[in-house]
N, C-alpha and C. Protein backbone atom coordinates (compact mmCIF):
# COMPACT_ATOMS: atom_id res chain seq x y z
N TYR A 1 3.01 24.15 0.15
CA TYR A 1 2.53 25.44 0.42
C TYR A 1 3.42 26.39 1.26
N THR A 2 3.37 27.52 1.22
CA THR A 2 4.35 28.44 1.75
C THR A 2 3.33 29.21 2.98
N GLN A 3 3.74 29.12 4.02
CA GLN A 3 2.65 30.18 5.33
C GLN A 3 3.79 30.76 6.02
N GLY A 4 4.12 32.12 5.80
CA GLY A 4 5.06 32.83 6.34
C GLY A 4 6.24 32.45 5.77
N SER A 5 7.21 32.02 6.83
CA SER A 5 8.42 31.85 6.02
C SER A 5 8.82 30.18 6.16
N SER A 6 7.32 29.44 6.49
CA SER A 6 7.64 27.97 6.34
C SER A 6 7.08 27.44 5.07
N THR A 7 7.47 26.49 4.73
CA THR A 7 7.17 25.65 3.43
C THR A 7 7.00 24.35 3.77
N GLN A 8 5.78 23.76 3.30
CA GLN A 8 5.24 22.58 3.63
C GLN A 8 5.16 21.64 2.32
N LYS A 9 5.57 20.64 2.17
CA LYS A 9 5.23 19.81 0.73
C LYS A 9 3.99 18.93 1.33
N LEU A 10 3.22 18.67 0.31
CA LEU A 10 2.03 17.91 0.33
C LEU A 10 1.92 16.76 -0.96
N MET A 11 1.15 15.74 -0.44
CA MET A 11 1.23 14.80 -1.68
C MET A 11 -0.39 15.00 -1.78
N VAL A 12 -0.64 15.38 -3.08
CA VAL A 12 -2.09 15.44 -3.29
C VAL A 12 -2.31 14.70 -4.56
N SER A 13 -3.64 14.13 -4.46
CA SER A 13 -4.12 13.16 -5.60
C SER A 13 -5.69 13.59 -6.01
N GLY A 14 -6.10 13.52 -6.98
CA GLY A 14 -7.34 13.96 -7.52
C GLY A 14 -7.78 15.35 -7.34
N GLY A 15 -8.58 15.84 -8.11
CA GLY A 15 -9.15 17.13 -8.11
C GLY A 15 -8.65 18.19 -9.03
N PHE A 16 -8.73 19.42 -8.67
CA PHE A 16 -8.61 20.35 -9.37
C PHE A 16 -7.44 21.51 -9.14
N VAL A 17 -6.59 22.02 -10.08
CA VAL A 17 -5.73 23.22 -9.50
C VAL A 17 -6.27 24.31 -10.45
N GLU A 18 -5.90 25.60 -9.80
CA GLU A 18 -6.24 27.08 -10.23
C GLU A 18 -4.95 27.70 -10.32
N VAL A 19 -4.52 28.33 -10.98
CA VAL A 19 -3.33 29.19 -11.14
C VAL A 19 -3.76 30.63 -11.60
N ALA A 20 -3.40 31.66 -10.68
CA ALA A 20 -3.97 33.00 -11.16
C ALA A 20 -2.94 33.77 -10.48
N ASP A 21 -2.03 34.57 -11.58
CA ASP A 21 -1.37 35.42 -10.87
C ASP A 21 -0.21 34.93 -9.98
N ASP A 22 0.09 35.14 -8.56
CA ASP A 22 0.98 34.72 -7.93
C ASP A 22 0.23 33.73 -6.93
N ARG A 23 -0.82 33.25 -7.24
CA ARG A 23 -1.67 32.24 -6.36
C ARG A 23 -1.90 31.06 -6.86
N VAL A 24 -1.94 29.82 -6.03
CA VAL A 24 -2.29 28.61 -6.79
C VAL A 24 -3.43 27.96 -5.42
N SER A 25 -4.73 27.88 -6.21
CA SER A 25 -5.52 27.04 -5.22
C SER A 25 -5.71 25.58 -5.90
N VAL A 26 -5.67 24.79 -4.97
CA VAL A 26 -5.82 23.19 -4.89
C VAL A 26 -7.17 22.85 -4.19
N LEU A 27 -7.84 22.05 -5.07
CA LEU A 27 -9.00 21.24 -4.68
C LEU A 27 -8.76 19.72 -4.91
N ALA A 28 -8.30 19.20 -3.95
CA ALA A 28 -7.87 17.72 -4.09
C ALA A 28 -8.95 16.77 -3.12
N GLU A 29 -8.97 15.52 -3.70
CA GLU A 29 -9.59 14.49 -3.18
C GLU A 29 -8.84 14.11 -1.78
N VAL A 30 -7.53 14.17 -1.88
CA VAL A 30 -6.64 13.58 -0.90
C VAL A 30 -5.52 14.46 -0.80
N ALA A 31 -5.00 14.97 0.44
CA ALA A 31 -3.85 15.88 0.50
C ALA A 31 -3.29 15.27 1.82
N GLU A 32 -1.85 14.85 1.75
CA GLU A 32 -1.20 14.39 2.96
C GLU A 32 0.10 15.33 3.15
N THR A 33 0.63 15.32 4.30
CA THR A 33 1.83 15.78 4.72
C THR A 33 2.50 14.63 4.92
N ALA A 34 3.96 14.75 5.00
CA ALA A 34 4.73 13.64 4.95
C ALA A 34 4.59 12.82 6.48
N ASP A 35 4.29 13.54 7.32
CA ASP A 35 3.98 12.92 8.81
C ASP A 35 2.74 12.49 8.95
N GLU A 36 1.74 12.59 8.09
CA GLU A 36 0.58 11.93 7.94
C GLU A 36 0.62 10.50 7.11
N ILE A 37 1.84 10.24 6.78
CA ILE A 37 1.87 9.26 5.72
C ILE A 37 2.37 7.97 6.44
N ASN A 38 1.51 6.90 6.28
CA ASN A 38 2.23 5.47 6.66
C ASN A 38 2.95 4.87 5.63
N VAL A 39 4.22 4.80 5.88
CA VAL A 39 5.26 4.31 4.86
C VAL A 39 5.04 2.88 4.79
N GLU A 40 4.84 2.04 5.83
CA GLU A 40 4.58 0.65 5.50
C GLU A 40 3.51 0.42 4.79
N LYS A 41 2.23 1.17 5.07
CA LYS A 41 1.05 0.88 4.12
C LYS A 41 1.23 1.26 2.74
N ALA A 42 1.99 2.65 2.55
CA ALA A 42 2.15 2.87 1.01
C ALA A 42 3.05 1.82 0.55
N LYS A 43 4.10 1.02 1.02
CA LYS A 43 4.96 0.24 0.74
C LYS A 43 4.05 -1.16 0.08
N LEU A 44 3.10 -1.72 1.07
CA LEU A 44 2.12 -2.62 0.69
C LEU A 44 1.30 -2.29 -0.45
N GLU A 45 0.89 -0.97 -0.62
CA GLU A 45 -0.12 -0.78 -1.74
C GLU A 45 0.80 -0.70 -2.90
N ARG A 46 1.98 -0.16 -3.00
CA ARG A 46 2.94 -0.35 -4.26
C ARG A 46 3.19 -1.64 -4.65
N GLU A 47 3.40 -2.73 -3.46
CA GLU A 47 3.72 -3.85 -3.85
C GLU A 47 2.51 -4.51 -4.66
N GLN A 48 1.34 -4.27 -3.79
CA GLN A 48 -0.13 -4.70 -4.44
C GLN A 48 -0.19 -3.99 -6.05
N ALA A 49 0.16 -2.96 -6.31
CA ALA A 49 -0.02 -2.66 -7.62
C ALA A 49 1.13 -3.22 -8.66
N GLU A 50 2.35 -3.66 -8.11
CA GLU A 50 3.18 -3.99 -8.97
C GLU A 50 2.69 -5.50 -9.32
N LYS A 51 1.96 -5.98 -8.51
CA LYS A 51 1.39 -7.22 -8.76
C LYS A 51 0.76 -7.43 -9.71
N LEU A 52 -0.56 -6.36 -9.83
CA LEU A 52 -1.50 -6.15 -10.84
C LEU A 52 -0.60 -5.56 -12.10
N LEU A 53 0.17 -4.82 -12.06
CA LEU A 53 0.78 -4.49 -13.46
C LEU A 53 1.54 -5.54 -14.20
N SER A 54 1.87 -6.68 -13.46
CA SER A 54 2.74 -7.57 -13.96
C SER A 54 1.95 -8.86 -14.43
N GLN A 55 0.47 -8.63 -14.52
CA GLN A 55 -0.58 -9.53 -15.06
C GLN A 55 -0.66 -8.97 -16.44
N THR A 56 -0.36 -9.56 -17.41
CA THR A 56 -0.35 -9.24 -18.78
C THR A 56 -1.84 -9.44 -19.36
N SER A 57 -2.69 -10.45 -18.56
CA SER A 57 -4.07 -10.56 -18.97
C SER A 57 -5.15 -9.54 -18.44
N ALA A 58 -4.58 -8.72 -17.61
CA ALA A 58 -5.40 -7.63 -16.97
C ALA A 58 -6.03 -6.92 -18.12
N GLU A 59 -7.21 -6.18 -17.79
CA GLU A 59 -7.95 -5.32 -18.66
C GLU A 59 -7.32 -4.13 -18.49
N PRO A 60 -7.39 -3.54 -19.74
CA PRO A 60 -6.69 -1.88 -19.86
C PRO A 60 -7.13 -1.11 -18.76
N ALA A 61 -8.17 -1.00 -18.20
CA ALA A 61 -9.06 -0.32 -17.27
C ALA A 61 -8.03 -0.56 -16.07
N ALA A 62 -8.15 -1.96 -15.52
CA ALA A 62 -7.44 -2.42 -14.37
C ALA A 62 -6.12 -2.02 -14.18
N LEU A 63 -5.25 -2.28 -15.40
CA LEU A 63 -4.00 -1.75 -15.48
C LEU A 63 -3.61 -0.19 -15.24
N ALA A 64 -4.48 0.48 -15.85
CA ALA A 64 -4.34 2.25 -15.68
C ALA A 64 -4.96 2.42 -13.97
N ALA A 65 -5.64 1.60 -13.48
CA ALA A 65 -5.80 1.91 -12.22
C ALA A 65 -4.77 1.46 -11.21
N ALA A 66 -4.09 0.05 -11.45
CA ALA A 66 -3.11 -0.30 -11.01
C ALA A 66 -1.89 0.79 -10.90
N GLN A 67 -1.49 1.31 -12.30
CA GLN A 67 -0.78 2.30 -12.44
C GLN A 67 -0.86 3.58 -11.78
N ALA A 68 -1.98 4.08 -11.54
CA ALA A 68 -2.13 5.17 -10.74
C ALA A 68 -2.01 4.76 -8.92
N SER A 69 -2.35 3.82 -8.76
CA SER A 69 -2.04 3.19 -7.29
C SER A 69 -0.76 3.32 -7.20
N PHE A 70 0.04 2.87 -8.11
CA PHE A 70 1.58 2.49 -8.01
C PHE A 70 2.21 3.96 -8.03
N ASP A 71 1.94 4.75 -8.74
CA ASP A 71 2.36 6.24 -8.58
C ASP A 71 1.92 7.00 -7.59
N ARG A 72 0.66 6.78 -6.89
CA ARG A 72 0.31 7.38 -5.71
C ARG A 72 1.18 6.96 -4.51
N ALA A 73 1.40 5.55 -4.61
CA ALA A 73 2.17 4.73 -3.47
C ALA A 73 3.47 5.31 -3.59
N ALA A 74 3.97 5.25 -4.62
CA ALA A 74 5.73 5.93 -4.66
C ALA A 74 5.68 7.22 -4.60
N THR A 75 4.82 8.04 -4.79
CA THR A 75 4.98 9.50 -4.38
C THR A 75 4.69 9.47 -2.83
N ARG A 76 4.01 9.09 -2.24
CA ARG A 76 3.50 8.93 -1.03
C ARG A 76 5.01 8.43 -0.10
N ILE A 77 5.74 7.42 -0.72
CA ILE A 77 6.92 7.09 0.07
C ILE A 77 8.02 8.08 -0.10
N MET A 78 8.05 8.70 -1.28
CA MET A 78 9.19 9.59 -1.52
C MET A 78 9.03 10.79 -0.48
N LEU A 79 7.73 11.25 -0.43
CA LEU A 79 7.59 12.43 0.43
C LEU A 79 7.93 12.22 1.92
N ALA A 80 7.46 10.89 2.28
CA ALA A 80 7.59 10.58 3.85
C ALA A 80 8.89 10.24 3.88
N THR A 81 9.73 9.84 3.09
CA THR A 81 11.29 9.28 3.72
C THR A 81 12.15 10.31 3.03
N GLY A 82 11.70 11.64 2.67
CA GLY A 82 12.42 12.47 2.27
C GLY A 82 13.32 12.40 0.80
N ALA A 83 12.90 11.52 0.18
CA ALA A 83 13.54 11.15 -1.03
C ALA A 83 13.28 11.99 -2.37
N ASP A 84 12.34 12.88 -1.90
CA ASP A 84 11.96 13.74 -2.97
C ASP A 84 12.78 15.18 -2.81
N LYS A 85 13.72 15.10 -2.14
CA LYS A 85 14.70 16.41 -2.09
C LYS A 85 15.79 16.34 -2.97
């Protein structure tokens, strides 16, 4: 988001977005700035999701949840480490 001349990136997860003219409204279950993200915790979450994704016997719903967890953790890591630039 932009406030004045400052721009802040957020990782958002879940919720809704509304776009109207030059305004965007976001109602999210989770919204984190880079400095709010615990990178070590995000790496652990990504590793756990990778293990679940490697289990070919897992149910489709479990695989979808693991993929969502992996994507969320990877995005958190990218934002916190500046790899999104």
